Amino acid sequence: MTSAPEAEFHEVCAEDDLWAGEMRLCSVAGVEVLLLRTDDGDICALQKNCPHQEHPLEKGEFDGTILTCGAHLWEFDAFSGRSVNPDDAELARYPVKVDGGAVLVSVEGIEPKHSHA
């Protein structure tokens, strides 16, 4: 039995460069992702555009827990990527790990999600 190959992770920033409640757009192997640090200190990587009408989420607001799209005020839980309002949408999440103080993200095989318009 062979095991699946390990995902390829790419360094995006130092862990200390991203503070609680902060978000930033970064490029990972040619894919733009939104990197966030929750109030609890968790680092998450999500798709950069709202699944509703592709509005850039970095132009919205992040309160340390909830990410709100600036176009139509759709709200997403930053840790899970699940929508809060409306409750039937989701953001693609990218695997994140911290190694030696560096934040690494993998984008392999993950496509952005889309929702009703």
N, C-alpha and C. Protein backbone atom coordinates (compact mmCIF):
# COMPACT_ATOMS: atom_id res chain seq x y z
N MET A 1 0.85 -1.17 0.00
CA MET A 1 0.00 0.00 0.00
C MET A 1 0.90 1.24 0.00
N THR A 2 0.65 2.15 -0.93
CA THR A 2 1.43 3.38 -0.98
C THR A 2 0.62 4.52 -0.37
N SER A 3 1.32 5.41 0.28
CA SER A 3 0.64 6.55 0.88
C SER A 3 0.64 7.72 -0.09
N ALA A 4 -0.32 8.61 0.07
CA ALA A 4 -0.40 9.79 -0.78
C ALA A 4 0.80 10.69 -0.50
N PRO A 5 1.31 11.35 -1.54
CA PRO A 5 2.45 12.24 -1.31
C PRO A 5 2.04 13.42 -0.43
N GLU A 6 2.98 13.90 0.37
CA GLU A 6 2.71 15.04 1.24
C GLU A 6 2.56 16.30 0.40
N ALA A 7 1.62 17.15 0.79
CA ALA A 7 1.39 18.41 0.09
C ALA A 7 2.65 19.28 0.14
N GLU A 8 2.85 20.06 -0.90
CA GLU A 8 3.99 20.97 -0.94
C GLU A 8 3.60 22.30 -0.29
N PHE A 9 4.34 22.69 0.73
CA PHE A 9 4.07 23.93 1.45
C PHE A 9 5.08 24.99 1.01
N HIS A 10 4.61 26.24 0.99
CA HIS A 10 5.44 27.37 0.59
C HIS A 10 5.43 28.41 1.70
N GLU A 11 6.60 28.96 2.00
CA GLU A 11 6.69 29.99 3.03
C GLU A 11 6.08 31.29 2.53
N VAL A 12 5.21 31.91 3.36
CA VAL A 12 4.57 33.16 2.95
C VAL A 12 4.96 34.35 3.82
N CYS A 13 5.30 34.10 5.08
CA CYS A 13 5.73 35.19 5.97
C CYS A 13 6.24 34.60 7.27
N ALA A 14 6.78 35.45 8.10
CA ALA A 14 7.16 35.04 9.45
C ALA A 14 5.91 35.07 10.33
N GLU A 15 5.83 34.15 11.27
CA GLU A 15 4.68 34.08 12.17
C GLU A 15 4.47 35.40 12.90
N ASP A 16 5.54 36.06 13.31
CA ASP A 16 5.45 37.32 14.04
C ASP A 16 5.00 38.49 13.17
N ASP A 17 5.00 38.32 11.85
CA ASP A 17 4.58 39.40 10.95
C ASP A 17 3.07 39.53 10.83
N LEU A 18 2.33 38.55 11.33
CA LEU A 18 0.87 38.56 11.22
C LEU A 18 0.29 38.59 12.63
N TRP A 19 -0.32 39.69 12.98
CA TRP A 19 -0.86 39.88 14.33
C TRP A 19 -2.31 39.43 14.41
N ALA A 20 -2.79 39.18 15.61
CA ALA A 20 -4.18 38.81 15.83
C ALA A 20 -5.10 39.89 15.26
N GLY A 21 -6.11 39.45 14.52
CA GLY A 21 -7.06 40.37 13.91
C GLY A 21 -6.61 40.97 12.60
N GLU A 22 -5.46 40.52 12.11
CA GLU A 22 -4.90 41.07 10.87
C GLU A 22 -5.14 40.11 9.71
N MET A 23 -5.28 40.69 8.51
CA MET A 23 -5.37 39.89 7.29
C MET A 23 -4.47 40.51 6.24
N ARG A 24 -3.98 39.66 5.34
CA ARG A 24 -3.14 40.15 4.24
C ARG A 24 -3.26 39.21 3.06
N LEU A 25 -3.16 39.78 1.89
CA LEU A 25 -3.18 39.03 0.65
C LEU A 25 -1.76 38.57 0.36
N CYS A 26 -1.58 37.32 -0.02
CA CYS A 26 -0.25 36.84 -0.38
C CYS A 26 -0.35 35.84 -1.52
N SER A 27 0.74 35.67 -2.22
CA SER A 27 0.81 34.77 -3.35
C SER A 27 1.53 33.49 -2.92
N VAL A 28 0.89 32.36 -3.24
CA VAL A 28 1.45 31.06 -2.90
C VAL A 28 1.49 30.23 -4.18
N ALA A 29 2.66 30.01 -4.70
CA ALA A 29 2.83 29.24 -5.94
C ALA A 29 1.90 29.75 -7.04
N GLY A 30 1.80 31.08 -7.15
CA GLY A 30 0.99 31.69 -8.19
C GLY A 30 -0.50 31.82 -7.87
N VAL A 31 -0.91 31.40 -6.69
CA VAL A 31 -2.31 31.49 -6.27
C VAL A 31 -2.42 32.56 -5.19
N GLU A 32 -3.32 33.52 -5.38
CA GLU A 32 -3.54 34.56 -4.38
C GLU A 32 -4.44 34.00 -3.29
N VAL A 33 -3.98 34.10 -2.04
CA VAL A 33 -4.77 33.63 -0.89
C VAL A 33 -4.82 34.75 0.14
N LEU A 34 -5.85 34.70 0.97
CA LEU A 34 -6.00 35.66 2.06
C LEU A 34 -5.56 34.98 3.34
N LEU A 35 -4.54 35.53 3.95
CA LEU A 35 -3.99 35.00 5.19
C LEU A 35 -4.54 35.81 6.35
N LEU A 36 -5.08 35.13 7.37
CA LEU A 36 -5.67 35.80 8.52
C LEU A 36 -5.15 35.19 9.80
N ARG A 37 -5.12 36.01 10.84
CA ARG A 37 -4.80 35.49 12.17
C ARG A 37 -5.97 35.86 13.08
N THR A 38 -6.61 34.84 13.64
CA THR A 38 -7.78 35.07 14.48
C THR A 38 -7.36 35.63 15.83
N ASP A 39 -8.35 36.10 16.57
CA ASP A 39 -8.09 36.61 17.93
C ASP A 39 -7.51 35.52 18.82
N ASP A 40 -7.80 34.25 18.51
CA ASP A 40 -7.27 33.12 19.28
C ASP A 40 -5.84 32.77 18.89
N GLY A 41 -5.30 33.44 17.86
CA GLY A 41 -3.93 33.19 17.43
C GLY A 41 -3.80 32.19 16.30
N ASP A 42 -4.93 31.60 15.86
CA ASP A 42 -4.88 30.65 14.75
C ASP A 42 -4.60 31.39 13.44
N ILE A 43 -3.79 30.78 12.60
CA ILE A 43 -3.50 31.36 11.29
C ILE A 43 -4.25 30.53 10.25
N CYS A 44 -5.02 31.23 9.41
CA CYS A 44 -5.85 30.58 8.41
C CYS A 44 -5.53 31.15 7.03
N ALA A 45 -5.68 30.33 6.01
CA ALA A 45 -5.52 30.78 4.63
C ALA A 45 -6.80 30.43 3.89
N LEU A 46 -7.44 31.44 3.31
CA LEU A 46 -8.72 31.27 2.63
C LEU A 46 -8.64 31.80 1.21
N GLN A 47 -9.61 31.40 0.39
CA GLN A 47 -9.66 31.95 -0.97
C GLN A 47 -9.81 33.46 -0.89
N LYS A 48 -9.28 34.17 -1.86
CA LYS A 48 -9.21 35.63 -1.78
C LYS A 48 -10.49 36.34 -2.17
N ASN A 49 -11.38 35.69 -2.91
CA ASN A 49 -12.60 36.34 -3.37
C ASN A 49 -13.84 35.72 -2.75
N CYS A 50 -14.83 36.56 -2.51
CA CYS A 50 -16.11 36.09 -2.00
C CYS A 50 -16.73 35.12 -3.01
N PRO A 51 -17.32 34.01 -2.56
CA PRO A 51 -17.92 33.07 -3.50
C PRO A 51 -19.20 33.60 -4.14
N HIS A 52 -19.72 34.70 -3.64
CA HIS A 52 -20.96 35.28 -4.13
C HIS A 52 -20.77 35.93 -5.50
N GLN A 53 -19.99 36.99 -5.56
CA GLN A 53 -19.78 37.67 -6.85
C GLN A 53 -18.31 38.04 -7.05
N GLU A 54 -17.43 37.23 -6.46
CA GLU A 54 -15.98 37.37 -6.69
C GLU A 54 -15.38 38.68 -6.17
N HIS A 55 -16.04 39.36 -5.25
CA HIS A 55 -15.49 40.61 -4.70
C HIS A 55 -14.27 40.26 -3.84
N PRO A 56 -13.18 41.03 -3.95
CA PRO A 56 -11.97 40.77 -3.15
C PRO A 56 -12.25 40.91 -1.65
N LEU A 57 -12.03 39.85 -0.90
CA LEU A 57 -12.32 39.86 0.53
C LEU A 57 -11.37 40.75 1.32
N GLU A 58 -10.18 41.03 0.79
CA GLU A 58 -9.26 41.89 1.52
C GLU A 58 -9.79 43.33 1.58
N LYS A 59 -10.80 43.65 0.77
CA LYS A 59 -11.42 44.97 0.80
C LYS A 59 -12.57 45.02 1.80
N GLY A 60 -12.81 43.91 2.48
CA GLY A 60 -13.85 43.85 3.49
C GLY A 60 -13.28 44.12 4.87
N GLU A 61 -13.94 43.59 5.88
CA GLU A 61 -13.50 43.79 7.26
C GLU A 61 -13.27 42.45 7.94
N PHE A 62 -12.33 42.46 8.88
CA PHE A 62 -12.03 41.28 9.68
C PHE A 62 -11.93 41.71 11.12
N ASP A 63 -12.79 41.15 11.98
CA ASP A 63 -12.80 41.57 13.39
C ASP A 63 -12.04 40.61 14.30
N GLY A 64 -11.27 39.69 13.70
CA GLY A 64 -10.53 38.72 14.48
C GLY A 64 -11.23 37.37 14.56
N THR A 65 -12.49 37.35 14.17
CA THR A 65 -13.27 36.11 14.15
C THR A 65 -14.07 35.99 12.86
N ILE A 66 -14.76 37.06 12.48
CA ILE A 66 -15.63 37.07 11.32
C ILE A 66 -15.04 37.93 10.21
N LEU A 67 -15.01 37.38 9.00
CA LEU A 67 -14.57 38.08 7.80
C LEU A 67 -15.83 38.51 7.05
N THR A 68 -15.96 39.81 6.80
CA THR A 68 -17.15 40.35 6.14
C THR A 68 -16.78 40.91 4.78
N CYS A 69 -17.48 40.45 3.74
CA CYS A 69 -17.25 40.94 2.39
C CYS A 69 -17.75 42.38 2.30
N GLY A 70 -16.95 43.25 1.71
CA GLY A 70 -17.29 44.66 1.60
C GLY A 70 -18.38 44.96 0.59
N ALA A 71 -18.68 44.04 -0.32
CA ALA A 71 -19.66 44.31 -1.37
C ALA A 71 -21.10 44.11 -0.88
N HIS A 72 -21.41 42.96 -0.35
CA HIS A 72 -22.79 42.64 0.03
C HIS A 72 -22.91 42.16 1.47
N LEU A 73 -21.83 42.35 2.25
CA LEU A 73 -21.82 42.06 3.68
C LEU A 73 -22.02 40.59 4.03
N TRP A 74 -21.65 39.70 3.13
CA TRP A 74 -21.66 38.28 3.49
C TRP A 74 -20.61 38.07 4.56
N GLU A 75 -20.91 37.23 5.56
CA GLU A 75 -20.02 37.01 6.69
C GLU A 75 -19.54 35.55 6.72
N PHE A 76 -18.27 35.37 7.04
CA PHE A 76 -17.65 34.05 7.09
C PHE A 76 -16.87 33.88 8.38
N ASP A 77 -16.96 32.70 8.96
CA ASP A 77 -16.13 32.35 10.11
C ASP A 77 -14.70 32.17 9.58
N ALA A 78 -13.77 32.93 10.11
CA ALA A 78 -12.40 32.91 9.59
C ALA A 78 -11.72 31.56 9.79
N PHE A 79 -12.01 30.87 10.88
CA PHE A 79 -11.33 29.61 11.14
C PHE A 79 -11.84 28.48 10.24
N SER A 80 -13.15 28.37 10.09
CA SER A 80 -13.71 27.25 9.32
C SER A 80 -13.95 27.57 7.85
N GLY A 81 -14.11 28.87 7.51
CA GLY A 81 -14.44 29.25 6.14
C GLY A 81 -15.94 29.17 5.85
N ARG A 82 -16.72 28.66 6.80
CA ARG A 82 -18.17 28.53 6.61
C ARG A 82 -18.84 29.89 6.73
N SER A 83 -19.89 30.09 5.95
CA SER A 83 -20.59 31.37 6.02
C SER A 83 -21.51 31.40 7.23
N VAL A 84 -21.64 32.60 7.77
CA VAL A 84 -22.51 32.85 8.91
C VAL A 84 -23.80 33.47 8.40
N ASN A 85 -23.67 34.37 7.43
CA ASN A 85 -24.81 35.04 6.84
C ASN A 85 -24.49 35.34 5.38
N PRO A 86 -25.12 34.67 4.42
CA PRO A 86 -26.10 33.60 4.58
C PRO A 86 -25.42 32.33 5.10
N ASP A 87 -26.20 31.33 5.41
CA ASP A 87 -25.62 30.13 6.02
C ASP A 87 -25.37 28.99 5.04
N ASP A 88 -25.37 29.27 3.74
CA ASP A 88 -25.22 28.20 2.76
C ASP A 88 -24.05 28.39 1.80
N ALA A 89 -23.03 29.08 2.24
CA ALA A 89 -21.85 29.30 1.39
C ALA A 89 -20.60 28.90 2.18
N GLU A 90 -19.49 28.88 1.48
CA GLU A 90 -18.23 28.45 2.11
C GLU A 90 -17.06 29.00 1.32
N LEU A 91 -15.97 29.26 2.03
CA LEU A 91 -14.72 29.66 1.39
C LEU A 91 -13.78 28.46 1.37
N ALA A 92 -13.00 28.34 0.30
CA ALA A 92 -11.98 27.30 0.25
C ALA A 92 -10.92 27.63 1.29
N ARG A 93 -10.48 26.59 2.01
CA ARG A 93 -9.41 26.73 3.01
C ARG A 93 -8.17 26.02 2.49
N TYR A 94 -7.04 26.64 2.73
CA TYR A 94 -5.76 26.06 2.35
C TYR A 94 -5.03 25.62 3.60
N PRO A 95 -4.38 24.45 3.56
CA PRO A 95 -3.62 23.98 4.73
C PRO A 95 -2.51 24.96 5.10
N VAL A 96 -2.37 25.18 6.40
CA VAL A 96 -1.36 26.07 6.96
C VAL A 96 -0.58 25.32 8.02
N LYS A 97 0.72 25.55 8.06
CA LYS A 97 1.51 25.06 9.18
C LYS A 97 2.57 26.09 9.51
N VAL A 98 2.99 26.07 10.75
CA VAL A 98 4.05 26.97 11.21
C VAL A 98 5.25 26.10 11.56
N ASP A 99 6.39 26.45 10.99
CA ASP A 99 7.60 25.68 11.20
C ASP A 99 8.76 26.63 11.44
N GLY A 100 9.35 26.57 12.63
CA GLY A 100 10.50 27.42 12.94
C GLY A 100 10.19 28.90 12.85
N GLY A 101 8.95 29.28 13.16
CA GLY A 101 8.57 30.69 13.10
C GLY A 101 8.12 31.17 11.74
N ALA A 102 8.13 30.28 10.74
CA ALA A 102 7.68 30.64 9.39
C ALA A 102 6.29 30.07 9.15
N VAL A 103 5.44 30.86 8.48
CA VAL A 103 4.10 30.42 8.10
C VAL A 103 4.19 29.84 6.70
N LEU A 104 3.71 28.59 6.56
CA LEU A 104 3.74 27.89 5.27
C LEU A 104 2.32 27.52 4.86
N VAL A 105 2.03 27.63 3.57
CA VAL A 105 0.69 27.36 3.05
C VAL A 105 0.83 26.44 1.84
N SER A 106 -0.14 25.52 1.69
CA SER A 106 -0.20 24.65 0.52
C SER A 106 -1.48 24.98 -0.26
N VAL A 107 -1.38 25.06 -1.58
CA VAL A 107 -2.55 25.34 -2.42
C VAL A 107 -2.86 24.18 -3.37
N GLU A 108 -2.11 23.12 -3.25
CA GLU A 108 -2.25 21.97 -4.16
C GLU A 108 -3.65 21.39 -4.16
N GLY A 109 -4.25 21.32 -5.35
CA GLY A 109 -5.52 20.63 -5.53
C GLY A 109 -6.73 21.31 -4.92
N ILE A 110 -6.61 22.54 -4.48
CA ILE A 110 -7.74 23.24 -3.86
C ILE A 110 -8.22 24.35 -4.78
N GLU A 111 -9.50 24.30 -5.11
CA GLU A 111 -10.10 25.29 -5.99
C GLU A 111 -11.00 26.22 -5.19
N PRO A 112 -11.07 27.51 -5.57
CA PRO A 112 -12.00 28.43 -4.90
C PRO A 112 -13.44 27.94 -5.04
N LYS A 113 -14.25 28.25 -4.05
CA LYS A 113 -15.65 27.84 -4.06
C LYS A 113 -16.51 28.99 -4.61
N HIS A 114 -17.68 28.61 -5.13
CA HIS A 114 -18.62 29.58 -5.70
C HIS A 114 -20.00 29.32 -5.10
N SER A 115 -20.81 30.36 -5.09
CA SER A 115 -22.13 30.24 -4.47
C SER A 115 -23.16 30.93 -5.36
N HIS A 116 -24.40 30.91 -4.91
CA HIS A 116 -25.47 31.56 -5.67
C HIS A 116 -25.21 33.05 -5.79
N ALA A 117 -25.75 33.66 -6.83
CA ALA A 117 -25.50 35.10 -7.07
C ALA A 117 -26.57 35.97 -6.47
